[in-house]
Amino acid sequence: MRALKKDKAKEKFQCLPSKSVTLHQNLMNSEFARRSKTDIKSKYLKRHNSIPKRVITNRLSYGCSSLMYACQQGDIAEVLERLHTKPNQIRIRDRRNKSALHYCAIQGITSSNVLVAAASIVVAAPELLESVDEDGFTPLHLAVIQGNLAMVNLLLANKADVNAVDKEGHSVVHWATVCGEVAALRAVLAADANIAIPDINGGSPLHYAAQMCGAVYDGKLCQTNSSKLAMEILEILLSHPQCNVDVQDKDGRQPLLWAASAGSAKAITALVKAGARIESADKLV
């Protein structure tokens, strides 16, 4: 969600989540987009989830250990072999400060082998549950972004910090909201995730949920389906005991104003029914 130069983005390591990028497009006209041109999701999700062959042959130059590569490939036999013969590899980080557990969590497709690899790593080095990469992403952040519910549940079962935030202040609730991952959102909320954590610009998950009601989620077949998904997420947050419908960002904007800027009448109606003040105004008024 922060601005990055294109050439810097191209340098990012290739072993990253596989979803296509649409968050930047979704929020191009949002209040938050006025502050940034490129977002973290764009930076991470525009890359293919597998390492290209040219990178595999030179993976050590990227700081990627054989254990990390085995985790990404779901090669459980190799993972167990490395943990047994080279246990020190488990604490090695790559050039982007990712741990082996990040490489497990980064997978978008649920694989029993990857889950076993992740569980083995957690048992051997539980401190990696809280490891953060250069953007402040924990393995749980990446699993939520990918919508990998099995991995999310595995990490939560092993006491991953459900309220960890990245360097932009985004929690897993933020990411589940903007990525349209309903199942992951319900899972982290069931684990007592705080829905009121603001990002560095004061934007709460409720702000983003209101905004997304006027956007199109990636991979949805039509605007109608995307709108239904966005409204479902908004209703989930509105029904939460911690919900403050008039929470303000740093510019004094409430979720109602974010919904209005997105042109979503349904979101506006839902927020008003939940008690939002219709006389809401930002600090510039």
C-alpha atoms as a PDB file:
ATOM      1  CA  MET A   1       0.000   0.000   0.000  1.00  0.00           C
ATOM      2  CA  ARG A   2       2.936   2.351  -0.041  1.00  0.00           C
ATOM      3  CA  ALA A   3       4.498   3.947  -3.067  1.00  0.00           C
ATOM      4  CA  LEU A   4       7.397   2.163  -4.694  1.00  0.00           C
ATOM      5  CA  LYS A   5       9.469   2.863  -7.763  1.00  0.00           C
ATOM      6  CA  LYS A   6       8.853   0.388 -10.567  1.00  0.00           C
ATOM      7  CA  ASP A   7      12.500  -0.553 -10.831  1.00  0.00           C
ATOM      8  CA  LYS A   8      12.624  -1.338  -7.127  1.00  0.00           C
ATOM      9  CA  ALA A   9       9.510  -3.466  -7.411  1.00  0.00           C
ATOM     10  CA  LYS A  10      11.106  -5.474 -10.202  1.00  0.00           C
ATOM     11  CA  GLU A  11      13.961  -6.397  -7.895  1.00  0.00           C
ATOM     12  CA  LYS A  12      11.646  -8.224  -5.513  1.00  0.00           C
ATOM     13  CA  PHE A  13      12.305 -11.907  -5.071  1.00  0.00           C
ATOM     14  CA  GLN A  14      10.236 -14.078  -7.380  1.00  0.00           C
ATOM     15  CA  CYS A  15       8.964 -16.570  -4.806  1.00  0.00           C
ATOM     16  CA  LEU A  16       5.841 -14.580  -3.919  1.00  0.00           C
ATOM     17  CA  PRO A  17       2.045 -15.064  -3.773  1.00  0.00           C
ATOM     18  CA  SER A  18       0.345 -15.993  -7.017  1.00  0.00           C
ATOM     19  CA  LYS A  19      -2.825 -13.898  -7.014  1.00  0.00           C
ATOM     20  CA  SER A  20      -3.255 -11.280  -9.725  1.00  0.00           C
ATOM     21  CA  VAL A  21      -3.068  -7.640  -8.721  1.00  0.00           C
ATOM     22  CA  THR A  22      -6.269  -5.618  -8.597  1.00  0.00           C
ATOM     23  CA  LEU A  23      -6.113  -3.861  -5.261  1.00  0.00           C
ATOM     24  CA  HIS A  24      -4.338  -0.891  -6.812  1.00  0.00           C
ATOM     25  CA  GLN A  25      -7.034  -0.641  -9.481  1.00  0.00           C
ATOM     26  CA  ASN A  26      -9.779  -1.176  -6.916  1.00  0.00           C
ATOM     27  CA  LEU A  27      -8.569   1.733  -4.823  1.00  0.00           C
ATOM     28  CA  MET A  28      -7.371   4.084  -7.554  1.00  0.00           C
ATOM     29  CA  ASN A  29     -10.129   6.549  -6.685  1.00  0.00           C
ATOM     30  CA  SER A  30     -10.135   5.915  -2.957  1.00  0.00           C
ATOM     31  CA  GLU A  31      -9.157   8.374  -0.274  1.00  0.00           C
ATOM     32  CA  PHE A  32      -6.109   6.279   0.485  1.00  0.00           C
ATOM     33  CA  ALA A  33      -5.052   6.115  -3.159  1.00  0.00           C
ATOM     34  CA  ARG A  34      -4.570   9.875  -3.108  1.00  0.00           C
ATOM     35  CA  ARG A  35      -1.637   9.273  -0.805  1.00  0.00           C
ATOM     36  CA  SER A  36       0.039   6.457  -2.746  1.00  0.00           C
ATOM     37  CA  LYS A  37       0.440   5.218  -6.294  1.00  0.00           C
ATOM     38  CA  THR A  38       1.360   1.598  -5.613  1.00  0.00           C
ATOM     39  CA  ASP A  39       0.370  -0.708  -2.764  1.00  0.00           C
ATOM     40  CA  ILE A  40       1.950  -3.620  -0.965  1.00  0.00           C
ATOM     41  CA  LYS A  41      -0.496  -6.054  -2.511  1.00  0.00           C
ATOM     42  CA  SER A  42       0.493  -4.869  -5.990  1.00  0.00           C
ATOM     43  CA  LYS A  43       4.145  -5.326  -5.101  1.00  0.00           C
ATOM     44  CA  TYR A  44       3.638  -8.845  -3.797  1.00  0.00           C
ATOM     45  CA  LEU A  45       0.806 -10.304  -5.812  1.00  0.00           C
ATOM     46  CA  LYS A  46       1.860  -9.423  -9.344  1.00  0.00           C
ATOM     47  CA  ARG A  47       4.438 -12.183  -9.265  1.00  0.00           C
ATOM     48  CA  HIS A  48       4.045 -15.858  -9.980  1.00  0.00           C
ATOM     49  CA  ASN A  49       4.100 -18.130  -6.974  1.00  0.00           C
ATOM     50  CA  SER A  50       6.850 -20.413  -8.328  1.00  0.00           C
ATOM     51  CA  ILE A  51      10.515 -19.576  -8.776  1.00  0.00           C
ATOM     52  CA  PRO A  52      11.491 -19.353 -12.482  1.00  0.00           C
ATOM     53  CA  LYS A  53      14.099 -21.888 -13.579  1.00  0.00           C
ATOM     54  CA  ARG A  54      16.693 -19.166 -14.037  1.00  0.00           C
ATOM     55  CA  VAL A  55      16.200 -18.199 -10.389  1.00  0.00           C
ATOM     56  CA  ILE A  56      16.243 -21.775  -9.097  1.00  0.00           C
ATOM     57  CA  THR A  57      19.739 -22.313 -10.456  1.00  0.00           C
ATOM     58  CA  ASN A  58      20.951 -19.159  -8.717  1.00  0.00           C
ATOM     59  CA  ARG A  59      18.705 -19.215  -5.683  1.00  0.00           C
ATOM     60  CA  LEU A  60      21.569 -18.758  -3.209  1.00  0.00           C
ATOM     61  CA  SER A  61      22.363 -15.387  -4.766  1.00  0.00           C
ATOM     62  CA  TYR A  62      18.882 -14.384  -3.668  1.00  0.00           C
ATOM     63  CA  GLY A  63      19.546 -15.671  -0.186  1.00  0.00           C
ATOM     64  CA  CYS A  64      17.127 -18.555  -0.714  1.00  0.00           C
ATOM     65  CA  SER A  65      18.280 -21.677   1.080  1.00  0.00           C
ATOM     66  CA  SER A  66      17.601 -25.219  -0.046  1.00  0.00           C
ATOM     67  CA  LEU A  67      15.190 -25.532   2.880  1.00  0.00           C
ATOM     68  CA  MET A  68      13.193 -22.516   1.674  1.00  0.00           C
ATOM     69  CA  TYR A  69      13.032 -23.943  -1.826  1.00  0.00           C
ATOM     70  CA  ALA A  70      11.908 -27.337  -0.501  1.00  0.00           C
ATOM     71  CA  CYS A  71       9.174 -25.587   1.517  1.00  0.00           C
ATOM     72  CA  GLN A  72       7.954 -23.741  -1.535  1.00  0.00           C
ATOM     73  CA  GLN A  73       7.877 -26.919  -3.599  1.00  0.00           C
ATOM     74  CA  GLY A  74       6.159 -28.946  -0.889  1.00  0.00           C
ATOM     75  CA  ASP A  75       9.015 -31.444  -0.884  1.00  0.00           C
ATOM     76  CA  ILE A  76       8.414 -32.789   2.600  1.00  0.00           C
ATOM     77  CA  ALA A  77      11.141 -35.429   2.372  1.00  0.00           C
ATOM     78  CA  GLU A  78      13.719 -32.742   1.577  1.00  0.00           C
ATOM     79  CA  VAL A  79      12.343 -30.473   4.314  1.00  0.00           C
ATOM     80  CA  LEU A  80      12.695 -33.187   6.940  1.00  0.00           C
ATOM     81  CA  GLU A  81      16.138 -34.114   5.635  1.00  0.00           C
ATOM     82  CA  ARG A  82      17.326 -30.509   5.873  1.00  0.00           C
ATOM     83  CA  LEU A  83      15.883 -30.083   9.363  1.00  0.00           C
ATOM     84  CA  HIS A  84      17.728 -33.229  10.439  1.00  0.00           C
ATOM     85  CA  THR A  85      21.087 -32.720   8.714  1.00  0.00           C
ATOM     86  CA  LYS A  86      21.311 -28.916   8.622  1.00  0.00           C
ATOM     87  CA  PRO A  87      19.158 -27.636  11.498  1.00  0.00           C
ATOM     88  CA  ASN A  88      20.797 -24.201  11.392  1.00  0.00           C
ATOM     89  CA  GLN A  89      19.181 -23.544   8.008  1.00  0.00           C
ATOM     90  CA  ILE A  90      15.827 -23.102   9.681  1.00  0.00           C
ATOM     91  CA  ARG A  91      16.801 -19.666  11.006  1.00  0.00           C
ATOM     92  CA  ILE A  92      18.330 -18.363   7.792  1.00  0.00           C
ATOM     93  CA  ARG A  93      16.537 -15.442   6.123  1.00  0.00           C
ATOM     94  CA  ASP A  94      16.570 -14.612   2.440  1.00  0.00           C
ATOM     95  CA  ARG A  95      17.504 -11.243   0.981  1.00  0.00           C
ATOM     96  CA  ARG A  96      14.000  -9.944   1.695  1.00  0.00           C
ATOM     97  CA  ASN A  97      14.181 -11.217   5.282  1.00  0.00           C
ATOM     98  CA  LYS A  98      11.732 -14.055   4.667  1.00  0.00           C
ATOM     99  CA  SER A  99      12.041 -17.186   6.741  1.00  0.00           C
ATOM    100  CA  ALA A 100      11.347 -20.752   5.692  1.00  0.00           C
ATOM    101  CA  LEU A 101       7.909 -20.428   7.269  1.00  0.00           C
ATOM    102  CA  HIS A 102       7.136 -17.467   4.990  1.00  0.00           C
ATOM    103  CA  TYR A 103       7.878 -19.764   2.055  1.00  0.00           C
ATOM    104  CA  CYS A 104       5.284 -22.224   3.326  1.00  0.00           C
ATOM    105  CA  ALA A 105       2.675 -19.552   4.014  1.00  0.00           C
ATOM    106  CA  ILE A 106       3.170 -17.911   0.644  1.00  0.00           C
ATOM    107  CA  GLN A 107       1.522 -20.801  -1.198  1.00  0.00           C
ATOM    108  CA  GLY A 108      -1.910 -20.019  -2.634  1.00  0.00           C
ATOM    109  CA  ILE A 109      -2.942 -23.639  -3.110  1.00  0.00           C
ATOM    110  CA  THR A 110      -3.491 -25.807  -0.054  1.00  0.00           C
ATOM    111  CA  SER A 111      -1.124 -28.771  -0.102  1.00  0.00           C
ATOM    112  CA  SER A 112      -0.868 -31.376   2.613  1.00  0.00           C
ATOM    113  CA  ASN A 113       2.885 -31.520   2.020  1.00  0.00           C
ATOM    114  CA  VAL A 114       3.282 -27.782   2.528  1.00  0.00           C
ATOM    115  CA  LEU A 115       1.159 -27.961   5.675  1.00  0.00           C
ATOM    116  CA  VAL A 116       3.334 -30.766   7.038  1.00  0.00           C
ATOM    117  CA  ALA A 117       6.438 -28.758   6.163  1.00  0.00           C
ATOM    118  CA  ALA A 118       5.034 -25.703   7.951  1.00  0.00           C
ATOM    119  CA  ALA A 119       4.090 -27.748  11.006  1.00  0.00           C
ATOM    120  CA  SER A 120       7.571 -29.299  11.123  1.00  0.00           C
ATOM    121  CA  ILE A 121       9.193 -25.856  10.991  1.00  0.00           C
ATOM    122  CA  VAL A 122       6.902 -24.479  13.701  1.00  0.00           C
ATOM    123  CA  VAL A 123       7.782 -27.382  15.997  1.00  0.00           C
ATOM    124  CA  ALA A 124      11.501 -26.914  15.375  1.00  0.00           C
ATOM    125  CA  ALA A 125      11.503 -23.107  15.586  1.00  0.00           C
ATOM    126  CA  PRO A 126       8.247 -21.692  17.013  1.00  0.00           C
ATOM    127  CA  GLU A 127       9.749 -18.189  17.094  1.00  0.00           C
ATOM    128  CA  LEU A 128       9.369 -18.079  13.289  1.00  0.00           C
ATOM    129  CA  LEU A 129       5.623 -17.631  13.779  1.00  0.00           C
ATOM    130  CA  GLU A 130       6.433 -13.996  14.557  1.00  0.00           C
ATOM    131  CA  SER A 131       9.180 -13.574  11.972  1.00  0.00           C
ATOM    132  CA  VAL A 132       8.681 -10.568   9.713  1.00  0.00           C
ATOM    133  CA  ASP A 133       9.990  -9.864   6.231  1.00  0.00           C
ATOM    134  CA  GLU A 134      11.236  -6.486   5.023  1.00  0.00           C
ATOM    135  CA  ASP A 135       7.661  -5.202   4.759  1.00  0.00           C
ATOM    136  CA  GLY A 136       6.673  -6.399   8.212  1.00  0.00           C
ATOM    137  CA  PHE A 137       4.646  -9.354   6.909  1.00  0.00           C
ATOM    138  CA  THR A 138       4.420 -12.343   9.216  1.00  0.00           C
ATOM    139  CA  PRO A 139       3.652 -15.797   7.781  1.00  0.00           C
ATOM    140  CA  LEU A 140       0.055 -15.262   8.922  1.00  0.00           C
ATOM    141  CA  HIS A 141      -0.188 -12.083   6.836  1.00  0.00           C
ATOM    142  CA  LEU A 142       0.870 -13.981   3.732  1.00  0.00           C
ATOM    143  CA  ALA A 143      -1.476 -16.911   4.391  1.00  0.00           C
ATOM    144  CA  VAL A 144      -4.410 -14.513   4.809  1.00  0.00           C
ATOM    145  CA  ILE A 145      -3.518 -12.582   1.647  1.00  0.00           C
ATOM    146  CA  GLN A 146      -3.433 -15.839  -0.267  1.00  0.00           C
ATOM    147  CA  GLY A 147      -6.708 -17.000   1.248  1.00  0.00           C
ATOM    148  CA  ASN A 148      -5.021 -20.244   2.292  1.00  0.00           C
ATOM    149  CA  LEU A 149      -7.448 -21.151   5.067  1.00  0.00           C
ATOM    150  CA  ALA A 150      -5.706 -24.388   6.017  1.00  0.00           C
ATOM    151  CA  MET A 151      -2.425 -22.530   6.519  1.00  0.00           C
ATOM    152  CA  VAL A 152      -4.207 -19.734   8.404  1.00  0.00           C
ATOM    153  CA  ASN A 153      -5.748 -22.275  10.769  1.00  0.00           C
ATOM    154  CA  LEU A 154      -2.432 -24.068  11.236  1.00  0.00           C
ATOM    155  CA  LEU A 155      -0.654 -20.847  12.180  1.00  0.00           C
ATOM    156  CA  LEU A 156      -3.467 -19.738  14.478  1.00  0.00           C
ATOM    157  CA  ALA A 157      -3.522 -23.145  16.182  1.00  0.00           C
ATOM    158  CA  ASN A 158       0.159 -22.640  16.946  1.00  0.00           C
ATOM    159  CA  LYS A 159      -0.493 -19.227  18.537  1.00  0.00           C
ATOM    160  CA  ALA A 160       0.603 -16.899  15.735  1.00  0.00           C
ATOM    161  CA  ASP A 161       0.027 -13.275  16.733  1.00  0.00           C
ATOM    162  CA  VAL A 162      -3.348 -12.468  15.202  1.00  0.00           C
ATOM    163  CA  ASN A 163      -2.859  -8.744  15.815  1.00  0.00           C
ATOM    164  CA  ALA A 164       0.562  -8.325  14.236  1.00  0.00           C
ATOM    165  CA  VAL A 165       0.795  -5.410  11.816  1.00  0.00           C
ATOM    166  CA  ASP A 166       3.054  -4.789   8.827  1.00  0.00           C
ATOM    167  CA  LYS A 167       5.190  -1.687   8.384  1.00  0.00           C
ATOM    168  CA  GLU A 168       2.178   0.223   7.075  1.00  0.00           C
ATOM    169  CA  GLY A 169       0.178  -0.709  10.170  1.00  0.00           C
ATOM    170  CA  HIS A 170      -2.044  -3.204   8.358  1.00  0.00           C
ATOM    171  CA  SER A 171      -3.351  -6.123  10.355  1.00  0.00           C
ATOM    172  CA  VAL A 172      -4.529  -9.463   8.998  1.00  0.00           C
ATOM    173  CA  VAL A 173      -8.072  -8.078   9.295  1.00  0.00           C
ATOM    174  CA  HIS A 174      -7.116  -5.262   6.915  1.00  0.00           C
ATOM    175  CA  TRP A 175      -5.715  -7.754   4.432  1.00  0.00           C
ATOM    176  CA  ALA A 176      -8.593 -10.225   4.643  1.00  0.00           C
ATOM    177  CA  THR A 177     -10.913  -7.278   4.012  1.00  0.00           C
ATOM    178  CA  VAL A 178      -9.178  -5.811   0.966  1.00  0.00           C
ATOM    179  CA  CYS A 179      -8.444  -9.231  -0.529  1.00  0.00           C
ATOM    180  CA  GLY A 180     -12.029 -10.437  -0.150  1.00  0.00           C
ATOM    181  CA  GLU A 181     -11.041 -13.485   1.895  1.00  0.00           C
ATOM    182  CA  VAL A 182     -14.202 -14.111   3.915  1.00  0.00           C
ATOM    183  CA  ALA A 183     -13.162 -17.485   5.336  1.00  0.00           C
ATOM    184  CA  ALA A 184      -9.796 -16.129   6.462  1.00  0.00           C
ATOM    185  CA  LEU A 185     -11.527 -13.091   7.961  1.00  0.00           C
ATOM    186  CA  ARG A 186     -13.904 -15.270   9.979  1.00  0.00           C
ATOM    187  CA  ALA A 187     -10.975 -17.418  11.126  1.00  0.00           C
ATOM    188  CA  VAL A 188      -8.897 -14.524  12.457  1.00  0.00           C
ATOM    189  CA  LEU A 189     -11.938 -12.911  14.087  1.00  0.00           C
ATOM    190  CA  ALA A 190     -12.707 -16.223  15.798  1.00  0.00           C
ATOM    191  CA  ALA A 191      -9.146 -16.079  17.117  1.00  0.00           C
ATOM    192  CA  ASP A 192      -9.898 -12.674  18.696  1.00  0.00           C
ATOM    193  CA  ALA A 193      -8.321 -10.434  16.074  1.00  0.00           C
ATOM    194  CA  ASN A 194      -8.819  -6.759  16.836  1.00  0.00           C
ATOM    195  CA  ILE A 195     -10.896  -5.075  14.107  1.00  0.00           C
ATOM    196  CA  ALA A 196     -10.191  -1.582  15.424  1.00  0.00           C
ATOM    197  CA  ILE A 197      -6.454  -1.404  14.685  1.00  0.00           C
ATOM    198  CA  PRO A 198      -5.785   1.629  12.426  1.00  0.00           C
ATOM    199  CA  ASP A 199      -3.063   1.715   9.793  1.00  0.00           C
ATOM    200  CA  ILE A 200      -0.490   4.500   9.630  1.00  0.00           C
ATOM    201  CA  ASN A 201      -3.064   6.775   7.980  1.00  0.00           C
ATOM    202  CA  GLY A 202      -5.766   5.959  10.501  1.00  0.00           C
ATOM    203  CA  GLY A 203      -7.652   3.678   8.128  1.00  0.00           C
ATOM    204  CA  SER A 204      -9.431   0.863   9.959  1.00  0.00           C
ATOM    205  CA  PRO A 205     -10.625  -2.371   8.355  1.00  0.00           C
ATOM    206  CA  LEU A 206     -14.131  -0.880   8.425  1.00  0.00           C
ATOM    207  CA  HIS A 207     -12.932   2.048   6.299  1.00  0.00           C
ATOM    208  CA  TYR A 208     -11.552  -0.363   3.714  1.00  0.00           C
ATOM    209  CA  ALA A 209     -14.642  -2.572   3.828  1.00  0.00           C
ATOM    210  CA  ALA A 210     -16.792   0.469   3.070  1.00  0.00           C
ATOM    211  CA  GLN A 211     -14.444   1.463   0.235  1.00  0.00           C
ATOM    212  CA  MET A 212     -14.395  -2.004  -1.318  1.00  0.00           C
ATOM    213  CA  CYS A 213     -18.162  -1.995  -1.686  1.00  0.00           C
ATOM    214  CA  GLY A 214     -17.567   0.319  -4.628  1.00  0.00           C
ATOM    215  CA  ALA A 215     -14.690  -1.716  -6.090  1.00  0.00           C
ATOM    216  CA  VAL A 216     -14.296  -5.064  -7.850  1.00  0.00           C
ATOM    217  CA  TYR A 217     -12.529  -7.927  -6.102  1.00  0.00           C
ATOM    218  CA  ASP A 218      -9.961  -9.903  -8.044  1.00  0.00           C
ATOM    219  CA  GLY A 219     -11.193 -13.112  -9.630  1.00  0.00           C
ATOM    220  CA  LYS A 220     -14.902 -12.339  -9.343  1.00  0.00           C
ATOM    221  CA  LEU A 221     -16.931 -13.034 -12.448  1.00  0.00           C
ATOM    222  CA  CYS A 222     -18.978  -9.877 -12.345  1.00  0.00           C
ATOM    223  CA  GLN A 223     -19.618  -6.660 -10.460  1.00  0.00           C
ATOM    224  CA  THR A 224     -22.713  -8.201  -8.838  1.00  0.00           C
ATOM    225  CA  ASN A 225     -20.778 -11.060  -7.237  1.00  0.00           C
ATOM    226  CA  SER A 226     -18.024  -8.703  -6.137  1.00  0.00           C
ATOM    227  CA  SER A 227     -20.566  -6.345  -4.582  1.00  0.00           C
ATOM    228  CA  LYS A 228     -22.173  -9.199  -2.652  1.00  0.00           C
ATOM    229  CA  LEU A 229     -18.791 -10.281  -1.326  1.00  0.00           C
ATOM    230  CA  ALA A 230     -17.896  -6.742  -0.281  1.00  0.00           C
ATOM    231  CA  MET A 231     -21.240  -6.296   1.485  1.00  0.00           C
ATOM    232  CA  GLU A 232     -20.796  -9.617   3.276  1.00  0.00           C
ATOM    233  CA  ILE A 233     -17.436  -8.463   4.634  1.00  0.00           C
ATOM    234  CA  LEU A 234     -18.857  -5.084   5.616  1.00  0.00           C
ATOM    235  CA  GLU A 235     -21.734  -6.757   7.487  1.00  0.00           C
ATOM    236  CA  ILE A 236     -19.303  -9.076   9.287  1.00  0.00           C
ATOM    237  CA  LEU A 237     -17.335  -6.095  10.587  1.00  0.00           C
ATOM    238  CA  LEU A 238     -20.450  -4.074  11.424  1.00  0.00           C
ATOM    239  CA  SER A 239     -21.807  -6.928  13.528  1.00  0.00           C
ATOM    240  CA  HIS A 240     -18.581  -7.274  15.515  1.00  0.00           C
ATOM    241  CA  PRO A 241     -18.687  -6.093  19.173  1.00  0.00           C
ATOM    242  CA  GLN A 242     -15.583  -3.920  18.652  1.00  0.00           C
ATOM    243  CA  CYS A 243     -17.101  -2.062  15.712  1.00  0.00           C
ATOM    244  CA  ASN A 244     -17.111   1.732  15.927  1.00  0.00           C
ATOM    245  CA  VAL A 245     -19.143   2.857  12.948  1.00  0.00           C
ATOM    246  CA  ASP A 246     -17.918   6.458  13.224  1.00  0.00           C
ATOM    247  CA  VAL A 247     -14.205   5.707  13.585  1.00  0.00           C
ATOM    248  CA  GLN A 248     -12.087   8.386  11.900  1.00  0.00           C
ATOM    249  CA  ASP A 249      -8.925   8.217   9.825  1.00  0.00           C
ATOM    250  CA  LYS A 250      -6.200  10.849  10.160  1.00  0.00           C
ATOM    251  CA  ASP A 251      -8.137  13.227   7.940  1.00  0.00           C
ATOM    252  CA  GLY A 252     -11.241  12.896  10.073  1.00  0.00           C
ATOM    253  CA  ARG A 253     -13.052  10.747   7.515  1.00  0.00           C
ATOM    254  CA  GLN A 254     -15.492   8.127   8.754  1.00  0.00           C
ATOM    255  CA  PRO A 255     -16.284   4.889   6.869  1.00  0.00           C
ATOM    256  CA  LEU A 256     -19.463   6.574   5.624  1.00  0.00           C
ATOM    257  CA  LEU A 257     -17.359   9.089   3.695  1.00  0.00           C
ATOM    258  CA  TRP A 258     -15.182   6.322   2.270  1.00  0.00           C
ATOM    259  CA  ALA A 259     -18.322   4.540   1.102  1.00  0.00           C
ATOM    260  CA  ALA A 260     -19.619   7.761  -0.443  1.00  0.00           C
ATOM    261  CA  SER A 261     -16.319   8.342  -2.275  1.00  0.00           C
ATOM    262  CA  ALA A 262     -16.658   4.828  -3.717  1.00  0.00           C
ATOM    263  CA  GLY A 263     -20.238   5.532  -4.810  1.00  0.00           C
ATOM    264  CA  SER A 264     -21.714   2.575  -2.951  1.00  0.00           C
ATOM    265  CA  ALA A 265     -25.318   3.268  -1.964  1.00  0.00           C
ATOM    266  CA  LYS A 266     -25.630  -0.160  -0.343  1.00  0.00           C
ATOM    267  CA  ALA A 267     -22.629   0.446   1.896  1.00  0.00           C
ATOM    268  CA  ILE A 268     -23.943   3.885   2.848  1.00  0.00           C
ATOM    269  CA  THR A 269     -27.328   2.373   3.738  1.00  0.00           C
ATOM    270  CA  ALA A 270     -25.722  -0.392   5.813  1.00  0.00           C
ATOM    271  CA  LEU A 271     -23.540   2.082   7.698  1.00  0.00           C
ATOM    272  CA  VAL A 272     -26.457   4.424   8.416  1.00  0.00           C
ATOM    273  CA  LYS A 273     -28.558   1.511   9.658  1.00  0.00           C
ATOM    274  CA  ALA A 274     -25.656   0.586  11.944  1.00  0.00           C
ATOM    275  CA  GLY A 275     -25.741   4.087  13.431  1.00  0.00           C
ATOM    276  CA  ALA A 276     -23.350   6.126  11.287  1.00  0.00           C
ATOM    277  CA  ARG A 277     -23.934   9.866  11.572  1.00  0.00           C
ATOM    278  CA  ILE A 278     -25.200  11.214   8.262  1.00  0.00           C
ATOM    279  CA  GLU A 279     -23.757  14.627   9.085  1.00  0.00           C
ATOM    280  CA  SER A 280     -20.239  13.154   8.936  1.00  0.00           C
ATOM    281  CA  ALA A 281     -17.611  15.512   7.537  1.00  0.00           C
ATOM    282  CA  ASP A 282     -13.827  15.418   7.292  1.00  0.00           C
ATOM    283  CA  LYS A 283     -11.361  17.922   8.753  1.00  0.00           C
ATOM    284  CA  LEU A 284     -11.202  19.848   5.481  1.00  0.00           C
ATOM    285  CA  VAL A 285     -14.819  20.946   5.681  1.00  0.00           C
END
